[in-house]
Amino acid sequence: MFKPDSAFSSFSAPDLEAERRFYRDTLGLDVVDGGMGTLELHTGSAKVLIYPKPDHEPARFTVLNFPVDDVEAEVDRLSALGVKFEHYEGEIETDAKGIFRGDGPTIAWFKDPAGNILSMLEAKQTRR
């Protein structure tokens, strides 16, 4: 039987030390060594597993979302640490900082060192 309270997400990366530094030092997350050469991100009650894959190809979609209180303040903070934000045109339009302020939550997308797409979105707009 499935244990829904134990479900977790995972994705790959070619260089786990670069991932460790990014998630721990840049994003400030709790990163621990997992079994079999993996990393675990502990984000409250959720766990995310990052596993090594030398021939990694980044997903072309968002693999991890982070609720934040103020997207613009976090974009400014992470930009000062060297994080580059994605800029989209067309169906989704982002501003000069890479922030989408359209129909839906205020959101910004960025990539980890492996090219996996992450987002942060305003928590006050994601609560139901």
N, C-alpha and C. Protein backbone atom coordinates (compact mmCIF):
# COMPACT_ATOMS: atom_id res chain seq x y z
N MET A 1 0.84 -1.19 0.00
CA MET A 1 0.00 0.00 0.00
C MET A 1 0.89 1.25 0.00
N PHE A 2 0.50 2.25 -0.77
CA PHE A 2 1.23 3.51 -0.81
C PHE A 2 1.19 4.19 0.56
N LYS A 3 2.28 4.89 0.86
CA LYS A 3 2.35 5.68 2.09
C LYS A 3 2.46 7.14 1.66
N PRO A 4 1.32 7.80 1.42
CA PRO A 4 1.36 9.16 0.87
C PRO A 4 2.12 10.17 1.72
N ASP A 5 2.17 9.95 3.02
CA ASP A 5 2.91 10.89 3.87
C ASP A 5 4.42 10.68 3.78
N SER A 6 4.85 9.65 3.03
CA SER A 6 6.27 9.37 2.85
C SER A 6 6.74 9.64 1.42
N ALA A 7 5.87 10.11 0.55
CA ALA A 7 6.24 10.36 -0.84
C ALA A 7 7.29 11.46 -0.91
N PHE A 8 8.17 11.35 -1.90
CA PHE A 8 9.18 12.38 -2.11
C PHE A 8 9.48 12.48 -3.59
N SER A 9 10.08 13.58 -3.96
CA SER A 9 10.45 13.84 -5.35
C SER A 9 11.94 13.61 -5.52
N SER A 10 12.35 13.39 -6.77
CA SER A 10 13.78 13.24 -7.05
C SER A 10 14.09 13.74 -8.45
N PHE A 11 15.34 14.11 -8.64
CA PHE A 11 15.83 14.46 -9.97
C PHE A 11 17.34 14.25 -10.00
N SER A 12 17.91 14.25 -11.20
CA SER A 12 19.32 13.93 -11.35
C SER A 12 20.17 15.17 -11.54
N ALA A 13 21.48 14.96 -11.40
CA ALA A 13 22.49 16.00 -11.64
C ALA A 13 23.82 15.30 -11.90
N PRO A 14 24.68 15.90 -12.72
CA PRO A 14 25.96 15.26 -13.00
C PRO A 14 27.03 15.52 -11.94
N ASP A 15 26.90 16.59 -11.16
CA ASP A 15 27.92 16.99 -10.19
C ASP A 15 27.24 17.29 -8.85
N LEU A 16 27.22 16.31 -7.97
CA LEU A 16 26.51 16.49 -6.71
C LEU A 16 27.17 17.49 -5.78
N GLU A 17 28.48 17.68 -5.89
CA GLU A 17 29.13 18.69 -5.04
C GLU A 17 28.69 20.10 -5.45
N ALA A 18 28.54 20.35 -6.74
CA ALA A 18 28.03 21.65 -7.20
C ALA A 18 26.59 21.84 -6.71
N GLU A 19 25.80 20.77 -6.76
CA GLU A 19 24.42 20.83 -6.27
C GLU A 19 24.40 21.12 -4.77
N ARG A 20 25.25 20.41 -4.02
CA ARG A 20 25.32 20.62 -2.57
C ARG A 20 25.60 22.08 -2.25
N ARG A 21 26.63 22.63 -2.90
CA ARG A 21 27.00 24.04 -2.64
C ARG A 21 25.85 24.97 -2.99
N PHE A 22 25.21 24.76 -4.13
CA PHE A 22 24.12 25.64 -4.57
C PHE A 22 22.95 25.59 -3.59
N TYR A 23 22.47 24.40 -3.31
CA TYR A 23 21.29 24.28 -2.45
C TYR A 23 21.59 24.65 -1.01
N ARG A 24 22.78 24.35 -0.52
CA ARG A 24 23.14 24.68 0.87
C ARG A 24 23.58 26.13 1.01
N ASP A 25 24.57 26.54 0.21
CA ASP A 25 25.19 27.84 0.41
C ASP A 25 24.41 28.98 -0.24
N THR A 26 23.84 28.75 -1.42
CA THR A 26 23.12 29.82 -2.11
C THR A 26 21.67 29.90 -1.66
N LEU A 27 20.97 28.74 -1.65
CA LEU A 27 19.56 28.76 -1.28
C LEU A 27 19.32 28.61 0.22
N GLY A 28 20.33 28.16 0.96
CA GLY A 28 20.20 28.05 2.41
C GLY A 28 19.39 26.86 2.89
N LEU A 29 19.33 25.80 2.09
CA LEU A 29 18.56 24.62 2.48
C LEU A 29 19.40 23.64 3.27
N ASP A 30 18.74 22.78 4.00
CA ASP A 30 19.39 21.70 4.73
C ASP A 30 19.69 20.59 3.73
N VAL A 31 20.97 20.31 3.49
CA VAL A 31 21.39 19.29 2.53
C VAL A 31 22.20 18.25 3.29
N VAL A 32 21.80 16.99 3.15
CA VAL A 32 22.50 15.90 3.82
C VAL A 32 22.84 14.81 2.81
N ASP A 33 23.85 14.02 3.15
CA ASP A 33 24.19 12.87 2.31
C ASP A 33 23.11 11.83 2.45
N GLY A 34 22.66 11.31 1.32
CA GLY A 34 21.69 10.23 1.32
C GLY A 34 22.42 8.92 1.05
N GLY A 35 21.68 7.87 0.95
CA GLY A 35 22.27 6.59 0.64
C GLY A 35 22.69 6.48 -0.81
N MET A 36 23.63 5.59 -1.08
CA MET A 36 24.07 5.28 -2.44
C MET A 36 24.59 6.50 -3.21
N GLY A 37 25.28 7.40 -2.51
CA GLY A 37 25.89 8.55 -3.18
C GLY A 37 24.93 9.63 -3.59
N THR A 38 23.79 9.74 -2.93
CA THR A 38 22.79 10.76 -3.26
C THR A 38 22.86 11.92 -2.27
N LEU A 39 22.14 12.97 -2.59
CA LEU A 39 21.93 14.09 -1.67
C LEU A 39 20.45 14.15 -1.33
N GLU A 40 20.15 14.62 -0.14
CA GLU A 40 18.77 14.86 0.25
C GLU A 40 18.62 16.32 0.65
N LEU A 41 17.60 16.95 0.10
CA LEU A 41 17.21 18.30 0.52
C LEU A 41 16.06 18.11 1.49
N HIS A 42 16.18 18.70 2.67
CA HIS A 42 15.09 18.63 3.64
C HIS A 42 14.45 20.00 3.68
N THR A 43 13.20 20.05 3.28
CA THR A 43 12.47 21.32 3.20
C THR A 43 11.21 21.20 4.05
N GLY A 44 11.35 21.37 5.33
CA GLY A 44 10.22 21.17 6.24
C GLY A 44 9.95 19.68 6.35
N SER A 45 8.72 19.28 6.08
CA SER A 45 8.38 17.87 6.17
C SER A 45 8.66 17.12 4.87
N ALA A 46 9.00 17.83 3.82
CA ALA A 46 9.25 17.19 2.52
C ALA A 46 10.73 16.88 2.34
N LYS A 47 10.98 15.83 1.58
CA LYS A 47 12.34 15.45 1.25
C LYS A 47 12.45 15.39 -0.28
N VAL A 48 13.57 15.86 -0.80
CA VAL A 48 13.85 15.78 -2.23
C VAL A 48 15.19 15.08 -2.37
N LEU A 49 15.24 14.11 -3.25
CA LEU A 49 16.45 13.32 -3.48
C LEU A 49 17.10 13.77 -4.79
N ILE A 50 18.40 14.04 -4.74
CA ILE A 50 19.16 14.34 -5.95
C ILE A 50 20.14 13.19 -6.14
N TYR A 51 20.08 12.55 -7.29
CA TYR A 51 20.92 11.39 -7.54
C TYR A 51 21.89 11.67 -8.67
N PRO A 52 23.07 11.04 -8.62
CA PRO A 52 24.08 11.29 -9.65
C PRO A 52 23.72 10.61 -10.96
N LYS A 53 23.95 11.32 -12.05
CA LYS A 53 23.72 10.76 -13.38
C LYS A 53 24.70 11.46 -14.33
N PRO A 54 25.78 10.79 -14.68
CA PRO A 54 26.81 11.42 -15.52
C PRO A 54 26.29 11.94 -16.86
N ASP A 55 25.31 11.26 -17.46
CA ASP A 55 24.77 11.72 -18.75
C ASP A 55 23.46 12.50 -18.55
N HIS A 56 23.36 13.20 -17.42
CA HIS A 56 22.17 13.99 -17.06
C HIS A 56 21.76 14.94 -18.18
N GLU A 57 20.48 15.02 -18.41
CA GLU A 57 19.88 16.04 -19.27
C GLU A 57 18.82 16.74 -18.43
N PRO A 58 18.94 18.06 -18.28
CA PRO A 58 17.98 18.76 -17.42
C PRO A 58 16.55 18.67 -17.97
N ALA A 59 15.62 18.62 -17.06
CA ALA A 59 14.21 18.64 -17.45
C ALA A 59 13.89 19.99 -18.09
N ARG A 60 12.93 19.99 -18.98
CA ARG A 60 12.52 21.23 -19.64
C ARG A 60 11.29 21.82 -18.96
N PHE A 61 11.06 21.40 -17.73
CA PHE A 61 9.93 21.87 -16.94
C PHE A 61 10.41 22.10 -15.51
N THR A 62 9.60 22.74 -14.71
CA THR A 62 9.97 23.03 -13.33
C THR A 62 9.96 21.75 -12.50
N VAL A 63 11.08 21.47 -11.82
CA VAL A 63 11.18 20.26 -11.01
C VAL A 63 10.96 20.52 -9.53
N LEU A 64 11.08 21.78 -9.10
CA LEU A 64 10.96 22.09 -7.68
C LEU A 64 10.48 23.53 -7.53
N ASN A 65 9.49 23.74 -6.66
CA ASN A 65 8.90 25.05 -6.41
C ASN A 65 9.11 25.43 -4.95
N PHE A 66 9.48 26.68 -4.73
CA PHE A 66 9.71 27.18 -3.38
C PHE A 66 8.74 28.34 -3.08
N PRO A 67 7.81 28.17 -2.15
CA PRO A 67 7.00 29.31 -1.74
C PRO A 67 7.86 30.30 -0.95
N VAL A 68 7.70 31.57 -1.24
CA VAL A 68 8.41 32.64 -0.52
C VAL A 68 7.41 33.74 -0.21
N ASP A 69 7.76 34.59 0.75
CA ASP A 69 6.86 35.69 1.10
C ASP A 69 6.89 36.82 0.08
N ASP A 70 8.06 37.06 -0.52
CA ASP A 70 8.22 38.20 -1.42
C ASP A 70 9.17 37.80 -2.56
N VAL A 71 8.61 37.48 -3.71
CA VAL A 71 9.42 37.03 -4.85
C VAL A 71 10.45 38.08 -5.24
N GLU A 72 10.05 39.34 -5.33
CA GLU A 72 10.98 40.37 -5.77
C GLU A 72 12.18 40.49 -4.83
N ALA A 73 11.94 40.45 -3.52
CA ALA A 73 13.04 40.53 -2.56
C ALA A 73 13.97 39.33 -2.71
N GLU A 74 13.42 38.14 -2.93
CA GLU A 74 14.24 36.94 -3.10
C GLU A 74 15.00 36.97 -4.43
N VAL A 75 14.39 37.49 -5.47
CA VAL A 75 15.10 37.64 -6.75
C VAL A 75 16.29 38.57 -6.56
N ASP A 76 16.09 39.65 -5.87
CA ASP A 76 17.19 40.59 -5.62
C ASP A 76 18.29 39.93 -4.79
N ARG A 77 17.91 39.20 -3.74
CA ARG A 77 18.88 38.55 -2.87
C ARG A 77 19.68 37.49 -3.62
N LEU A 78 18.99 36.63 -4.37
CA LEU A 78 19.68 35.56 -5.10
C LEU A 78 20.48 36.10 -6.29
N SER A 79 19.99 37.15 -6.92
CA SER A 79 20.74 37.77 -8.02
C SER A 79 22.08 38.29 -7.51
N ALA A 80 22.08 38.87 -6.30
CA ALA A 80 23.32 39.37 -5.71
C ALA A 80 24.30 38.22 -5.42
N LEU A 81 23.79 36.99 -5.30
CA LEU A 81 24.63 35.82 -5.07
C LEU A 81 25.02 35.13 -6.38
N GLY A 82 24.62 35.72 -7.51
CA GLY A 82 25.01 35.18 -8.81
C GLY A 82 23.98 34.31 -9.50
N VAL A 83 22.80 34.15 -8.92
CA VAL A 83 21.76 33.35 -9.57
C VAL A 83 21.19 34.14 -10.74
N LYS A 84 21.05 33.47 -11.87
CA LYS A 84 20.48 34.09 -13.07
C LYS A 84 19.03 33.63 -13.21
N PHE A 85 18.15 34.57 -13.44
CA PHE A 85 16.73 34.24 -13.58
C PHE A 85 16.35 34.13 -15.05
N GLU A 86 15.43 33.23 -15.31
CA GLU A 86 14.98 32.97 -16.67
C GLU A 86 14.07 34.12 -17.13
N HIS A 87 14.14 34.40 -18.42
CA HIS A 87 13.28 35.41 -19.03
C HIS A 87 12.48 34.74 -20.12
N TYR A 88 11.16 34.89 -20.05
CA TYR A 88 10.27 34.27 -21.01
C TYR A 88 9.47 35.33 -21.73
N GLU A 89 9.19 35.07 -22.98
CA GLU A 89 8.32 35.93 -23.78
C GLU A 89 7.30 35.04 -24.47
N GLY A 90 6.16 35.62 -24.75
CA GLY A 90 5.11 34.86 -25.42
C GLY A 90 3.94 34.68 -24.49
N GLU A 91 3.56 33.41 -24.30
CA GLU A 91 2.40 33.12 -23.46
C GLU A 91 2.62 33.55 -22.01
N ILE A 92 3.86 33.40 -21.54
CA ILE A 92 4.25 33.86 -20.21
C ILE A 92 5.28 34.96 -20.40
N GLU A 93 4.98 36.13 -19.89
CA GLU A 93 5.89 37.27 -20.03
C GLU A 93 6.51 37.59 -18.67
N THR A 94 7.84 37.61 -18.62
CA THR A 94 8.52 38.01 -17.40
C THR A 94 9.06 39.42 -17.58
N ASP A 95 9.25 40.11 -16.47
CA ASP A 95 9.78 41.47 -16.53
C ASP A 95 11.31 41.44 -16.60
N ALA A 96 11.94 42.60 -16.49
CA ALA A 96 13.40 42.71 -16.62
C ALA A 96 14.14 41.89 -15.57
N LYS A 97 13.52 41.66 -14.41
CA LYS A 97 14.15 40.86 -13.37
C LYS A 97 13.89 39.36 -13.54
N GLY A 98 12.99 39.01 -14.46
CA GLY A 98 12.63 37.62 -14.65
C GLY A 98 11.42 37.20 -13.82
N ILE A 99 10.59 38.17 -13.45
CA ILE A 99 9.42 37.89 -12.61
C ILE A 99 8.15 37.93 -13.45
N PHE A 100 7.34 36.90 -13.32
CA PHE A 100 6.02 36.85 -13.95
C PHE A 100 5.02 37.42 -12.97
N ARG A 101 4.26 38.42 -13.44
CA ARG A 101 3.28 39.10 -12.57
C ARG A 101 1.91 39.09 -13.22
N GLY A 102 1.60 38.03 -13.93
CA GLY A 102 0.34 37.97 -14.68
C GLY A 102 -0.78 37.30 -13.92
N ASP A 103 -1.60 36.59 -14.67
CA ASP A 103 -2.74 35.88 -14.12
C ASP A 103 -2.23 34.66 -13.37
N GLY A 104 -2.28 34.69 -12.06
CA GLY A 104 -1.74 33.62 -11.23
C GLY A 104 -0.76 34.19 -10.24
N PRO A 105 -0.02 33.32 -9.56
CA PRO A 105 0.91 33.82 -8.55
C PRO A 105 2.10 34.55 -9.17
N THR A 106 2.66 35.48 -8.42
CA THR A 106 3.92 36.11 -8.80
C THR A 106 4.98 35.02 -8.68
N ILE A 107 5.75 34.84 -9.76
CA ILE A 107 6.67 33.70 -9.82
C ILE A 107 7.92 34.06 -10.60
N ALA A 108 9.04 33.44 -10.24
CA ALA A 108 10.30 33.62 -10.97
C ALA A 108 10.96 32.25 -11.09
N TRP A 109 11.56 32.00 -12.26
CA TRP A 109 12.21 30.72 -12.52
C TRP A 109 13.71 30.91 -12.63
N PHE A 110 14.46 29.91 -12.16
CA PHE A 110 15.92 29.93 -12.23
C PHE A 110 16.39 28.49 -12.32
N LYS A 111 17.67 28.29 -12.58
CA LYS A 111 18.19 26.93 -12.74
C LYS A 111 19.25 26.63 -11.70
N ASP A 112 19.34 25.36 -11.34
CA ASP A 112 20.42 24.91 -10.47
C ASP A 112 21.66 24.64 -11.34
N PRO A 113 22.79 24.28 -10.76
CA PRO A 113 24.00 24.08 -11.56
C PRO A 113 23.86 23.00 -12.64
N ALA A 114 22.93 22.06 -12.47
CA ALA A 114 22.72 21.00 -13.46
C ALA A 114 21.75 21.41 -14.55
N GLY A 115 21.20 22.64 -14.46
CA GLY A 115 20.25 23.12 -15.46
C GLY A 115 18.82 22.76 -15.16
N ASN A 116 18.55 22.15 -13.99
CA ASN A 116 17.18 21.84 -13.60
C ASN A 116 16.44 23.14 -13.29
N ILE A 117 15.21 23.26 -13.75
CA ILE A 117 14.44 24.48 -13.58
C ILE A 117 13.73 24.46 -12.23
N LEU A 118 13.93 25.54 -11.48
CA LEU A 118 13.31 25.73 -10.17
C LEU A 118 12.46 26.99 -10.23
N SER A 119 11.54 27.14 -9.32
CA SER A 119 10.79 28.38 -9.25
C SER A 119 10.60 28.81 -7.81
N MET A 120 10.30 30.07 -7.65
CA MET A 120 9.83 30.57 -6.37
C MET A 120 8.57 31.36 -6.66
N LEU A 121 7.59 31.17 -5.80
CA LEU A 121 6.33 31.86 -5.99
C LEU A 121 5.84 32.40 -4.67
N GLU A 122 5.08 33.48 -4.73
CA GLU A 122 4.66 34.14 -3.50
C GLU A 122 3.69 33.28 -2.74
N ALA A 123 4.06 32.96 -1.50
CA ALA A 123 3.28 32.06 -0.65
C ALA A 123 1.88 32.57 -0.42
N LYS A 124 1.73 33.87 -0.23
CA LYS A 124 0.40 34.41 0.08
C LYS A 124 -0.56 34.18 -1.07
N GLN A 125 -0.04 34.00 -2.28
CA GLN A 125 -0.89 33.75 -3.43
C GLN A 125 -1.09 32.27 -3.70
N THR A 126 -0.35 31.40 -2.98
CA THR A 126 -0.47 29.97 -3.23
C THR A 126 -1.33 29.28 -2.18
N ARG A 127 -1.64 29.98 -1.08
CA ARG A 127 -2.47 29.37 -0.05
C ARG A 127 -3.92 29.33 -0.52
N ARG A 128 -4.61 28.30 -0.07
CA ARG A 128 -6.04 28.17 -0.44
C ARG A 128 -6.89 28.16 0.80
